[in-house]
Structures are given as C-alpha cells and as structure tokens.
Amino acid sequence: MRQTVPVFFFDTSDGDRHDRDEEGQDLPDAQAARRLALETLPAMADDRLPDGDNRVFTVSVRDARGTPIYAVELALKGGWVAAPSGGG
C-alpha cells in the first residue's frame, strides 16, 4: 500500500500584497505545516522592513481540499514616543 504525503498551501499577506499559493508543499502533517507558517513570518517581515511603522503579516494554511486549517499573524506597530532630536 502506497502512503501519500499531505499537501499544504500557504497564502501570505503583508498588508499590501496578497499571494495565493497554487503549488503547495508536501509535508508530513498539519503540525509541520504550522511550524513552516510560523517560520515564514520573520522572513516576510525582514523583506518589508523598514517600510513603515505599521504592518500586519499573515500566513494562512490550507489543506489539499482547500480548507483553511491554520492562520498566524504578526503585527508591527511603531511610532515615536517623543520627537527625535537632530531632525531624524
């Protein structure tokens, strides 16, 4: 009997750009998909910073049927507490 590996799709958004995963990735299980979604967020944030002080990064995971099974969000919120010295 041949065992198939589950396919998971990772849709991402950085607040401006929304990408729907049409290829998917073979992973052992939903927990592996969750870990990959969490690992994706820092790289997404790194690619977009320092592009503004407020941005929300999201990764949504879908199973092979297209059913959403997991979602994670990283919110960046920044602002001056006091006016910077030196005109910066």
N, C-alpha and C. Protein backbone atom coordinates (compact mmCIF):
# COMPACT_ATOMS: atom_id res chain seq x y z
N MET A 1 0.85 -1.18 0.00
CA MET A 1 0.00 0.00 0.00
C MET A 1 0.90 1.24 0.00
N ARG A 2 0.64 2.13 -0.92
CA ARG A 2 1.43 3.35 -1.04
C ARG A 2 0.84 4.46 -0.16
N GLN A 3 1.68 5.06 0.66
CA GLN A 3 1.23 6.12 1.55
C GLN A 3 1.52 7.46 0.89
N THR A 4 0.53 8.34 0.85
CA THR A 4 0.72 9.65 0.24
C THR A 4 1.07 10.67 1.32
N VAL A 5 1.85 11.65 0.90
CA VAL A 5 2.25 12.73 1.80
C VAL A 5 1.25 13.87 1.62
N PRO A 6 0.73 14.44 2.70
CA PRO A 6 -0.23 15.53 2.57
C PRO A 6 0.39 16.77 1.92
N VAL A 7 -0.45 17.49 1.19
CA VAL A 7 -0.05 18.74 0.57
C VAL A 7 -0.73 19.89 1.32
N PHE A 8 0.05 20.94 1.57
CA PHE A 8 -0.47 22.12 2.26
C PHE A 8 -0.13 23.35 1.44
N PHE A 9 -1.04 24.32 1.45
CA PHE A 9 -0.89 25.56 0.70
C PHE A 9 -0.76 26.72 1.67
N PHE A 10 0.17 27.64 1.37
CA PHE A 10 0.48 28.75 2.27
C PHE A 10 0.18 30.07 1.58
N ASP A 11 -0.92 30.70 1.96
CA ASP A 11 -1.29 32.01 1.42
C ASP A 11 -0.72 33.08 2.34
N THR A 12 -0.12 34.12 1.76
CA THR A 12 0.54 35.14 2.57
C THR A 12 0.02 36.53 2.23
N SER A 13 0.15 37.42 3.21
CA SER A 13 -0.21 38.81 3.02
C SER A 13 0.71 39.67 3.89
N ASP A 14 1.14 40.80 3.33
CA ASP A 14 1.94 41.75 4.11
C ASP A 14 1.21 43.07 4.27
N GLY A 15 -0.08 43.07 4.03
CA GLY A 15 -0.88 44.28 4.13
C GLY A 15 -1.05 44.98 2.79
N ASP A 16 -0.06 44.86 1.92
CA ASP A 16 -0.14 45.44 0.58
C ASP A 16 -0.30 44.35 -0.48
N ARG A 17 0.46 43.31 -0.33
CA ARG A 17 0.48 42.24 -1.32
C ARG A 17 -0.09 40.97 -0.73
N HIS A 18 -0.97 40.33 -1.49
CA HIS A 18 -1.59 39.07 -1.08
C HIS A 18 -1.23 38.01 -2.11
N ASP A 19 -0.63 36.93 -1.66
CA ASP A 19 -0.21 35.86 -2.56
C ASP A 19 -0.92 34.57 -2.19
N ARG A 20 -1.58 33.98 -3.18
CA ARG A 20 -2.26 32.69 -3.00
C ARG A 20 -1.34 31.60 -3.55
N ASP A 21 -1.03 30.65 -2.71
CA ASP A 21 -0.17 29.53 -3.07
C ASP A 21 -0.95 28.56 -3.95
N GLU A 22 -0.50 28.38 -5.18
CA GLU A 22 -1.16 27.46 -6.11
C GLU A 22 -0.40 26.15 -6.25
N GLU A 23 0.83 26.08 -5.73
CA GLU A 23 1.66 24.88 -5.88
C GLU A 23 1.60 23.96 -4.68
N GLY A 24 1.62 24.52 -3.49
CA GLY A 24 1.59 23.72 -2.28
C GLY A 24 2.92 23.08 -1.96
N GLN A 25 2.99 22.49 -0.79
CA GLN A 25 4.19 21.80 -0.34
C GLN A 25 3.81 20.48 0.31
N ASP A 26 4.59 19.47 0.02
CA ASP A 26 4.41 18.17 0.66
C ASP A 26 5.05 18.22 2.04
N LEU A 27 4.28 17.95 3.05
CA LEU A 27 4.77 17.94 4.43
C LEU A 27 4.20 16.73 5.15
N PRO A 28 4.86 16.27 6.20
CA PRO A 28 4.40 15.06 6.88
C PRO A 28 3.01 15.17 7.52
N ASP A 29 2.69 16.37 8.06
CA ASP A 29 1.41 16.51 8.76
C ASP A 29 1.09 17.99 9.00
N ALA A 30 -0.06 18.23 9.60
CA ALA A 30 -0.51 19.60 9.87
C ALA A 30 0.40 20.33 10.84
N GLN A 31 1.02 19.61 11.78
CA GLN A 31 1.94 20.26 12.72
C GLN A 31 3.17 20.80 11.98
N ALA A 32 3.64 20.08 10.98
CA ALA A 32 4.76 20.57 10.18
C ALA A 32 4.35 21.80 9.38
N ALA A 33 3.12 21.82 8.90
CA ALA A 33 2.61 22.99 8.17
C ALA A 33 2.52 24.19 9.11
N ARG A 34 2.09 23.97 10.32
CA ARG A 34 2.02 25.05 11.32
C ARG A 34 3.41 25.62 11.59
N ARG A 35 4.38 24.75 11.79
CA ARG A 35 5.75 25.21 12.05
C ARG A 35 6.29 26.03 10.87
N LEU A 36 6.03 25.57 9.65
CA LEU A 36 6.50 26.30 8.48
C LEU A 36 5.83 27.67 8.38
N ALA A 37 4.55 27.75 8.69
CA ALA A 37 3.84 29.03 8.67
C ALA A 37 4.48 29.99 9.67
N LEU A 38 4.77 29.51 10.87
CA LEU A 38 5.40 30.36 11.89
C LEU A 38 6.80 30.80 11.47
N GLU A 39 7.55 29.91 10.84
CA GLU A 39 8.90 30.24 10.40
C GLU A 39 8.91 31.23 9.24
N THR A 40 7.83 31.29 8.50
CA THR A 40 7.74 32.19 7.33
C THR A 40 7.61 33.65 7.75
N LEU A 41 6.95 33.92 8.86
CA LEU A 41 6.67 35.30 9.26
C LEU A 41 7.90 36.18 9.43
N PRO A 42 8.94 35.76 10.14
CA PRO A 42 10.10 36.65 10.29
C PRO A 42 10.74 37.02 8.95
N ALA A 43 10.80 36.08 8.02
CA ALA A 43 11.38 36.37 6.71
C ALA A 43 10.51 37.38 5.94
N MET A 44 9.20 37.25 6.06
CA MET A 44 8.30 38.22 5.42
C MET A 44 8.53 39.61 5.99
N ALA A 45 8.61 39.70 7.31
CA ALA A 45 8.82 40.99 7.96
C ALA A 45 10.16 41.58 7.57
N ASP A 46 11.19 40.76 7.52
CA ASP A 46 12.52 41.23 7.17
C ASP A 46 12.56 41.79 5.75
N ASP A 47 11.81 41.18 4.84
CA ASP A 47 11.77 41.65 3.45
C ASP A 47 11.11 43.02 3.33
N ARG A 48 10.18 43.35 4.21
CA ARG A 48 9.39 44.58 4.09
C ARG A 48 9.85 45.72 4.99
N LEU A 49 10.71 45.44 5.95
CA LEU A 49 11.15 46.48 6.87
C LEU A 49 12.33 47.22 6.28
N PRO A 50 12.49 48.49 6.49
CA PRO A 50 11.72 49.38 7.36
C PRO A 50 10.64 50.14 6.62
N ASP A 51 9.83 49.49 5.85
CA ASP A 51 8.80 50.09 5.03
C ASP A 51 7.57 50.46 5.87
N GLY A 52 7.72 51.48 6.72
CA GLY A 52 6.60 51.94 7.53
C GLY A 52 6.64 51.39 8.95
N ASP A 53 5.83 52.00 9.80
CA ASP A 53 5.79 51.62 11.21
C ASP A 53 4.64 50.68 11.57
N ASN A 54 3.70 50.52 10.66
CA ASN A 54 2.53 49.70 10.96
C ASN A 54 2.27 48.74 9.80
N ARG A 55 2.30 47.47 10.10
CA ARG A 55 2.08 46.47 9.06
C ARG A 55 1.67 45.17 9.73
N VAL A 56 0.79 44.43 9.08
CA VAL A 56 0.37 43.13 9.59
C VAL A 56 0.74 42.07 8.55
N PHE A 57 1.48 41.08 9.00
CA PHE A 57 1.91 39.97 8.16
C PHE A 57 1.08 38.74 8.53
N THR A 58 0.53 38.05 7.54
CA THR A 58 -0.26 36.87 7.83
C THR A 58 0.13 35.71 6.93
N VAL A 59 -0.02 34.52 7.47
CA VAL A 59 0.14 33.28 6.71
C VAL A 59 -1.07 32.42 7.05
N SER A 60 -1.76 31.97 6.02
CA SER A 60 -2.90 31.06 6.18
C SER A 60 -2.56 29.75 5.51
N VAL A 61 -2.84 28.65 6.17
CA VAL A 61 -2.54 27.33 5.63
C VAL A 61 -3.85 26.65 5.23
N ARG A 62 -3.84 26.11 4.01
CA ARG A 62 -4.97 25.32 3.51
C ARG A 62 -4.53 23.88 3.29
N ASP A 63 -5.45 22.94 3.49
CA ASP A 63 -5.14 21.54 3.21
C ASP A 63 -5.39 21.26 1.72
N ALA A 64 -5.22 20.02 1.31
CA ALA A 64 -5.35 19.65 -0.10
C ALA A 64 -6.75 19.90 -0.66
N ARG A 65 -7.75 19.92 0.19
CA ARG A 65 -9.12 20.22 -0.25
C ARG A 65 -9.39 21.71 -0.36
N GLY A 66 -8.42 22.53 0.09
CA GLY A 66 -8.60 23.98 0.07
C GLY A 66 -9.21 24.53 1.34
N THR A 67 -9.38 23.69 2.33
CA THR A 67 -9.97 24.11 3.61
C THR A 67 -8.90 24.78 4.47
N PRO A 68 -9.16 26.01 4.94
CA PRO A 68 -8.21 26.66 5.86
C PRO A 68 -8.11 25.85 7.15
N ILE A 69 -6.86 25.59 7.58
CA ILE A 69 -6.67 24.80 8.80
C ILE A 69 -5.86 25.53 9.86
N TYR A 70 -5.13 26.58 9.47
CA TYR A 70 -4.30 27.30 10.44
C TYR A 70 -4.03 28.69 9.90
N ALA A 71 -3.97 29.66 10.79
CA ALA A 71 -3.62 31.03 10.40
C ALA A 71 -2.79 31.65 11.51
N VAL A 72 -1.81 32.44 11.11
CA VAL A 72 -0.95 33.12 12.08
C VAL A 72 -0.71 34.54 11.58
N GLU A 73 -0.55 35.45 12.52
CA GLU A 73 -0.41 36.87 12.19
C GLU A 73 0.69 37.48 13.05
N LEU A 74 1.47 38.35 12.44
CA LEU A 74 2.50 39.11 13.14
C LEU A 74 2.23 40.58 12.87
N ALA A 75 1.98 41.36 13.93
CA ALA A 75 1.67 42.79 13.78
C ALA A 75 2.87 43.63 14.20
N LEU A 76 3.23 44.55 13.34
CA LEU A 76 4.27 45.52 13.63
C LEU A 76 3.59 46.85 13.90
N LYS A 77 3.81 47.40 15.06
CA LYS A 77 3.24 48.69 15.44
C LYS A 77 4.35 49.55 15.98
N GLY A 78 4.61 50.66 15.34
CA GLY A 78 5.68 51.54 15.79
C GLY A 78 5.29 53.00 15.70
N GLY A 79 5.91 53.83 16.49
CA GLY A 79 5.67 55.26 16.47
C GLY A 79 6.57 55.94 17.46
N TRP A 80 6.85 57.19 17.19
CA TRP A 80 7.71 57.97 18.07
C TRP A 80 7.02 58.19 19.41
N VAL A 81 7.74 57.97 20.50
CA VAL A 81 7.27 58.25 21.83
C VAL A 81 7.51 59.73 22.14
N ALA A 82 8.63 60.25 21.66
CA ALA A 82 8.97 61.65 21.76
C ALA A 82 9.59 62.06 20.42
N ALA A 83 9.50 63.33 20.11
CA ALA A 83 10.08 63.81 18.85
C ALA A 83 11.57 63.52 18.83
N PRO A 84 12.06 62.95 17.71
CA PRO A 84 13.50 62.66 17.65
C PRO A 84 14.31 63.92 17.56
N SER A 85 15.49 63.90 18.18
CA SER A 85 16.38 65.05 18.09
C SER A 85 17.20 64.93 16.81
N GLY A 86 17.67 66.02 16.29
CA GLY A 86 18.51 66.00 15.12
C GLY A 86 17.75 65.93 13.81
N GLY A 87 16.44 66.16 13.81
CA GLY A 87 15.67 66.21 12.58
C GLY A 87 15.42 64.86 11.94
N GLY A 88 15.65 63.74 12.65
CA GLY A 88 15.52 62.42 12.05
C GLY A 88 14.16 61.94 12.06
